[in-house]
Protein backbone atom coordinates (compact mmCIF):
# COMPACT_ATOMS: atom_id res chain seq x y z
CA MET A 1 -0.01 -0.02 0.01
CA LYS A 2 1.17 3.50 -0.77
CA ILE A 3 0.43 6.45 1.43
CA LEU A 4 0.24 9.95 -0.07
CA VAL A 5 0.92 12.73 2.45
CA GLY A 6 0.26 16.35 1.64
CA ILE A 7 2.57 18.86 3.28
CA LYS A 8 2.11 22.71 3.10
CA ARG A 9 4.83 25.26 3.42
CA ALA A 10 3.63 27.79 6.03
CA VAL A 11 5.04 30.47 8.27
CA ASP A 12 6.63 28.72 11.27
CA TYR A 13 4.16 28.49 14.22
CA ASN A 14 6.70 30.33 16.52
CA VAL A 15 6.82 33.40 14.19
CA ARG A 16 4.52 36.41 14.82
CA ILE A 17 2.46 37.05 11.68
CA ARG A 18 2.83 40.52 10.10
CA VAL A 19 0.72 41.95 7.34
CA ARG A 20 2.54 43.74 4.48
CA SER A 21 2.31 47.57 4.56
CA ASP A 22 0.24 47.65 1.35
CA GLY A 23 -2.20 45.11 2.64
CA SER A 24 -1.49 42.65 -0.24
CA GLY A 25 -0.80 39.65 2.04
CA VAL A 26 1.32 38.26 4.85
CA GLU A 27 4.93 39.20 5.06
CA THR A 28 7.08 36.20 4.23
CA ASP A 29 10.39 37.74 3.13
CA GLY A 30 13.06 36.75 5.66
CA VAL A 31 10.50 34.83 7.71
CA LYS A 32 11.15 31.29 8.87
CA MET A 33 9.03 28.74 6.91
CA SER A 34 8.27 25.17 8.00
CA ILE A 35 5.94 22.27 7.32
CA ASN A 36 2.48 22.95 8.55
CA PRO A 37 2.38 21.35 11.98
CA PHE A 38 -0.78 19.21 11.28
CA ASP A 39 0.81 17.97 8.06
CA GLU A 40 3.95 17.00 9.90
CA ILE A 41 1.83 14.90 12.31
CA ALA A 42 0.13 13.25 9.31
CA LEU A 43 3.59 12.42 7.87
CA GLU A 44 4.75 10.90 11.16
CA GLU A 45 1.71 8.73 11.27
CA ALA A 46 2.22 7.54 7.75
CA LEU A 47 5.81 6.65 8.61
CA ARG A 48 4.74 4.69 11.70
CA ILE A 49 2.22 2.77 9.58
CA LYS A 50 5.03 1.92 7.11
CA GLU A 51 7.37 0.99 9.94
CA ALA A 52 4.76 -1.43 11.29
CA GLY A 53 4.80 -3.21 7.97
CA LYS A 54 1.34 -2.06 6.89
CA ALA A 55 2.48 0.19 3.97
CA GLU A 56 5.23 -0.15 1.36
CA GLU A 57 5.86 3.44 0.44
CA VAL A 58 5.25 6.98 1.74
CA ILE A 59 5.13 9.78 -0.79
CA VAL A 60 5.10 13.45 0.27
CA VAL A 61 3.45 16.04 -1.91
CA SER A 62 3.64 19.82 -1.80
CA ILE A 63 2.15 22.47 -4.10
CA GLY A 64 4.09 25.60 -4.99
CA GLY A 65 7.30 26.96 -6.53
CA ASP A 66 10.83 25.66 -6.01
CA GLU A 67 10.75 27.09 -2.34
CA VAL A 68 8.62 24.08 -1.28
CA GLN A 69 11.42 21.76 -2.08
CA GLN A 70 13.00 22.65 1.28
CA GLN A 71 9.89 21.24 3.07
CA LEU A 72 9.81 18.26 0.72
CA ARG A 73 13.48 17.50 1.65
CA THR A 74 12.58 17.77 5.26
CA GLY A 75 9.83 15.18 4.74
CA LEU A 76 12.27 12.96 2.99
CA ALA A 77 14.76 13.37 5.85
CA MET A 78 11.93 12.23 8.27
CA GLY A 79 11.71 9.03 6.33
CA ALA A 80 9.48 9.39 3.25
CA ASP A 81 10.52 7.44 0.18
CA ARG A 82 9.68 9.88 -2.58
CA ALA A 83 8.60 13.54 -3.07
CA ILE A 84 6.44 15.21 -5.58
CA GLN A 85 6.39 18.93 -6.20
CA VAL A 86 3.30 20.25 -8.02
CA ASN A 87 4.82 23.36 -9.58
CA THR A 88 2.83 26.54 -9.54
CA ASP A 89 3.28 30.19 -8.50
CA GLU A 90 -0.36 30.79 -7.72
CA ALA A 91 -1.97 30.59 -4.27
CA LEU A 92 -4.64 27.88 -4.78
CA GLN A 93 -8.00 27.56 -3.16
CA PRO A 94 -8.94 24.33 -1.29
CA LEU A 95 -11.05 22.87 -4.11
CA THR A 96 -8.12 23.13 -6.61
CA VAL A 97 -5.79 21.57 -4.03
CA ALA A 98 -8.35 18.76 -3.48
CA ARG A 99 -8.46 18.03 -7.13
CA ILE A 100 -4.69 17.84 -7.35
CA PHE A 101 -4.52 15.37 -4.49
CA ALA A 102 -7.31 13.26 -5.94
CA ALA A 103 -5.62 13.10 -9.31
CA LEU A 104 -2.23 12.13 -7.67
CA ALA A 105 -4.06 9.49 -5.59
CA GLU A 106 -5.38 7.93 -8.71
CA GLN A 107 -2.11 8.13 -10.47
CA GLU A 108 -0.16 6.60 -7.66
CA HIS A 109 -2.89 4.11 -6.67
CA ALA A 110 -2.70 5.32 -3.07
CA GLY A 111 -4.31 3.43 -0.29
CA ILE A 112 -4.37 6.39 2.04
CA VAL A 113 -4.24 10.12 1.41
CA PHE A 114 -3.00 11.48 4.71
CA LEU A 115 -3.44 15.25 5.33
CA GLY A 116 -3.35 17.67 8.32
CA LYS A 117 -6.84 18.62 9.42
CA GLN A 118 -6.12 22.33 8.51
CA ALA A 119 -3.17 24.61 7.73
CA ILE A 120 -2.27 27.19 10.36
CA ASP A 121 -2.12 30.03 7.74
CA ASP A 122 -5.60 29.96 6.39
CA ASP A 123 -7.34 27.56 8.81
CA SER A 124 -9.69 26.49 6.06
CA ASN A 125 -10.18 22.89 7.23
CA GLN A 126 -11.60 21.98 3.82
CA VAL A 127 -8.99 20.13 1.72
CA GLY A 128 -9.32 16.69 3.30
CA GLN A 129 -13.12 16.68 3.06
CA MET A 130 -13.10 17.99 -0.54
CA THR A 131 -10.39 15.46 -1.58
CA ALA A 132 -12.53 12.57 -0.40
CA ALA A 133 -15.53 13.96 -2.23
CA VAL A 134 -13.65 14.51 -5.48
CA TRP A 135 -11.82 11.16 -5.23
CA GLY A 136 -15.14 9.43 -4.34
CA ARG A 137 -13.63 7.60 -1.29
CA PRO A 138 -14.48 7.46 2.46
CA GLN A 139 -12.98 9.98 4.90
CA ALA A 140 -12.03 10.09 8.55
CA THR A 141 -11.24 13.57 9.79
CA PHE A 142 -9.68 14.86 13.08
CA ALA A 143 -7.93 11.51 13.83
CA SER A 144 -6.38 11.07 17.23
CA LYS A 145 -5.68 7.39 16.64
CA VAL A 146 -5.33 5.20 13.54
CA ASP A 147 -5.24 1.44 13.27
CA ILE A 148 -4.78 -0.26 9.86
CA ASP A 149 -6.27 -3.75 9.44
CA GLY A 150 -5.87 -5.08 5.99
CA ALA A 151 -8.20 -3.22 3.65
CA SER A 152 -9.85 -1.11 6.33
CA ALA A 153 -8.87 1.49 8.97
CA ARG A 154 -10.17 2.04 12.46
CA VAL A 155 -10.03 5.74 13.32
CA THR A 156 -10.70 7.50 16.55
CA ARG A 157 -11.89 10.98 15.99
CA GLU A 158 -11.98 14.06 18.26
CA VAL A 159 -15.47 15.48 18.15
CA ASP A 160 -17.29 18.08 20.32
CA ALA A 161 -18.89 15.45 22.57
CA GLY A 162 -15.61 13.52 23.06
CA LEU A 163 -14.19 10.72 20.98
CA GLU A 164 -15.83 8.82 18.13
CA THR A 165 -14.48 5.63 16.66
CA ILE A 166 -15.31 4.68 13.00
CA GLU A 167 -14.26 2.03 10.60
CA ILE A 168 -13.70 2.91 6.91
CA ASP A 169 -12.66 0.96 3.83
CA LEU A 170 -9.45 1.78 2.05
CA PRO A 171 -8.54 3.63 -0.06
CA ALA A 172 -9.59 6.57 2.01
CA VAL A 173 -8.65 10.17 3.10
CA ILE A 174 -7.56 10.63 6.75
CA THR A 175 -6.81 13.99 8.38
CA SER A 176 -4.72 14.28 11.52
CA ASP A 177 -5.52 16.05 14.76
CA LEU A 178 -2.99 17.52 17.20
CA ARG A 179 -2.95 14.54 19.55
CA LEU A 180 -2.35 11.86 17.02
CA ASN A 181 1.40 11.65 17.66
CA GLU A 182 4.56 13.63 18.35
CA PRO A 183 6.69 14.03 15.17
CA ARG A 184 10.25 12.74 15.22
CA PHE A 185 13.29 14.99 15.18
CA VAL A 186 15.32 15.03 12.03
CA LYS A 187 18.93 13.97 12.43
CA LEU A 188 21.82 15.28 10.28
CA PRO A 189 22.63 11.88 8.71
CA ASP A 190 18.96 11.68 7.55
CA ILE A 191 19.21 15.15 6.05
CA MET A 192 22.21 14.10 3.97
CA LYS A 193 20.43 10.94 2.86
CA ALA A 194 17.40 12.88 1.80
CA LYS A 195 19.48 14.74 -0.81
CA ARG A 196 19.71 11.45 -2.76
CA LYS A 197 16.11 10.50 -2.59
CA PRO A 198 13.96 11.21 -5.72
CA LEU A 199 12.02 14.51 -5.96
CA ASP A 200 9.70 14.71 -8.99
CA VAL A 201 8.32 17.96 -10.35
CA VAL A 202 5.03 17.93 -12.17
CA THR A 203 2.66 20.62 -13.44
CA ILE A 204 -1.06 21.02 -12.66
CA ASP A 205 -1.81 20.58 -16.31
CA ALA A 206 -0.07 17.20 -16.29
CA LEU A 207 -2.61 16.09 -13.70
CA GLY A 208 -5.51 17.09 -15.85
CA GLY A 209 -6.38 20.22 -13.79
CA HIS A 210 -5.93 23.96 -13.91
CA ALA A 211 -4.70 26.58 -11.55
CA GLY A 212 -7.71 28.94 -11.81
CA ASN A 213 -9.34 30.17 -8.63
CA GLY A 214 -12.94 31.30 -8.19
CA ILE A 215 -12.01 33.28 -4.98
CA SER A 216 -9.46 36.05 -4.54
CA ALA A 217 -8.44 38.08 -1.50
CA GLY A 218 -8.63 41.86 -2.15
CA HIS A 219 -7.02 43.12 0.99
CA HIS A 220 -5.44 41.90 4.16
CA ALA A 221 -5.36 43.74 7.50
CA ALA A 222 -4.10 42.97 11.04
CA PRO A 223 -6.74 42.63 13.63
CA ASP A 224 -7.62 45.77 15.77
CA ALA A 225 -5.64 46.19 18.92
CA ARG A 226 -7.46 44.95 21.97
CA SER A 227 -8.74 47.69 24.25
CA ARG A 228 -7.61 47.79 27.81
CA GLY A 229 -9.85 46.19 30.35
CA ILE A 230 -11.38 47.88 33.43
CA MET A 231 -11.95 46.92 36.98
CA VAL A 232 -15.48 47.01 38.46
CA GLU A 233 -16.47 46.90 42.10
CA ASP A 234 -19.24 44.31 41.92
CA ALA A 235 -21.58 42.27 39.69
CA ALA A 236 -24.04 45.12 39.47
CA ALA A 237 -21.28 47.42 38.10
CA LEU A 238 -20.24 44.77 35.66
CA VAL A 239 -23.85 44.45 34.34
CA GLY A 240 -24.18 48.22 34.04
CA GLU A 241 -20.90 48.44 32.04
CA LEU A 242 -22.05 45.68 29.70
CA LYS A 243 -25.33 47.45 29.14
CA ASN A 244 -23.52 50.71 28.36
CA ARG A 245 -21.43 48.98 25.72
CA GLY A 246 -24.49 47.41 24.15
CA LEU A 247 -23.45 43.88 25.11
CA LEU A 248 -26.61 43.19 27.14
């Protein structure tokens, strides 16, 4: 079985986000970029499944220009067997990304498409669900535990009421939640080995798709600064202040 893992290049979660002065987007020049944390968790789980003898190959995929090769090499250093860069300079919307992953899953005959539940830059939480719909296969989102048993997977999901366990047939799409695992550290020898692993570059057109987007962002702005809080003497004063501000 092959496992296809999508990884997205995003601003490192330790970096404070800054909006460009012209409002055209988020500042990325000179900013540390990393694998989206949820995608890193998905990759770690795919590698563990392979190490348990339940998969033969783990393939990492990233969409973007040559800059994403840095994150793909990191994925290879973690233990992935191959990497695929879908080359484009456009910022794609979730549905376009889902179509790319579905096309690659068909092309590679993947048993599992493993994705992070969301990216920390746009927080869309849509690609996994859309990929399953376009691909026409089952989905298990927000996974906190995954057990592979032959042609099926038993997945424990984190839901509002607690935990839910479902069983799905493979091939399928699985998205990882935060508590699924703790990703491994990459060692220097593995980084050196990753340079010799294959990294293929394909175009969106080669996958039978197009890069057109139906949605575009016209302006970006930082959130308003939070106003300073006040101290009140008692509950009555609190209620009065809330009424004055039109909150009650």
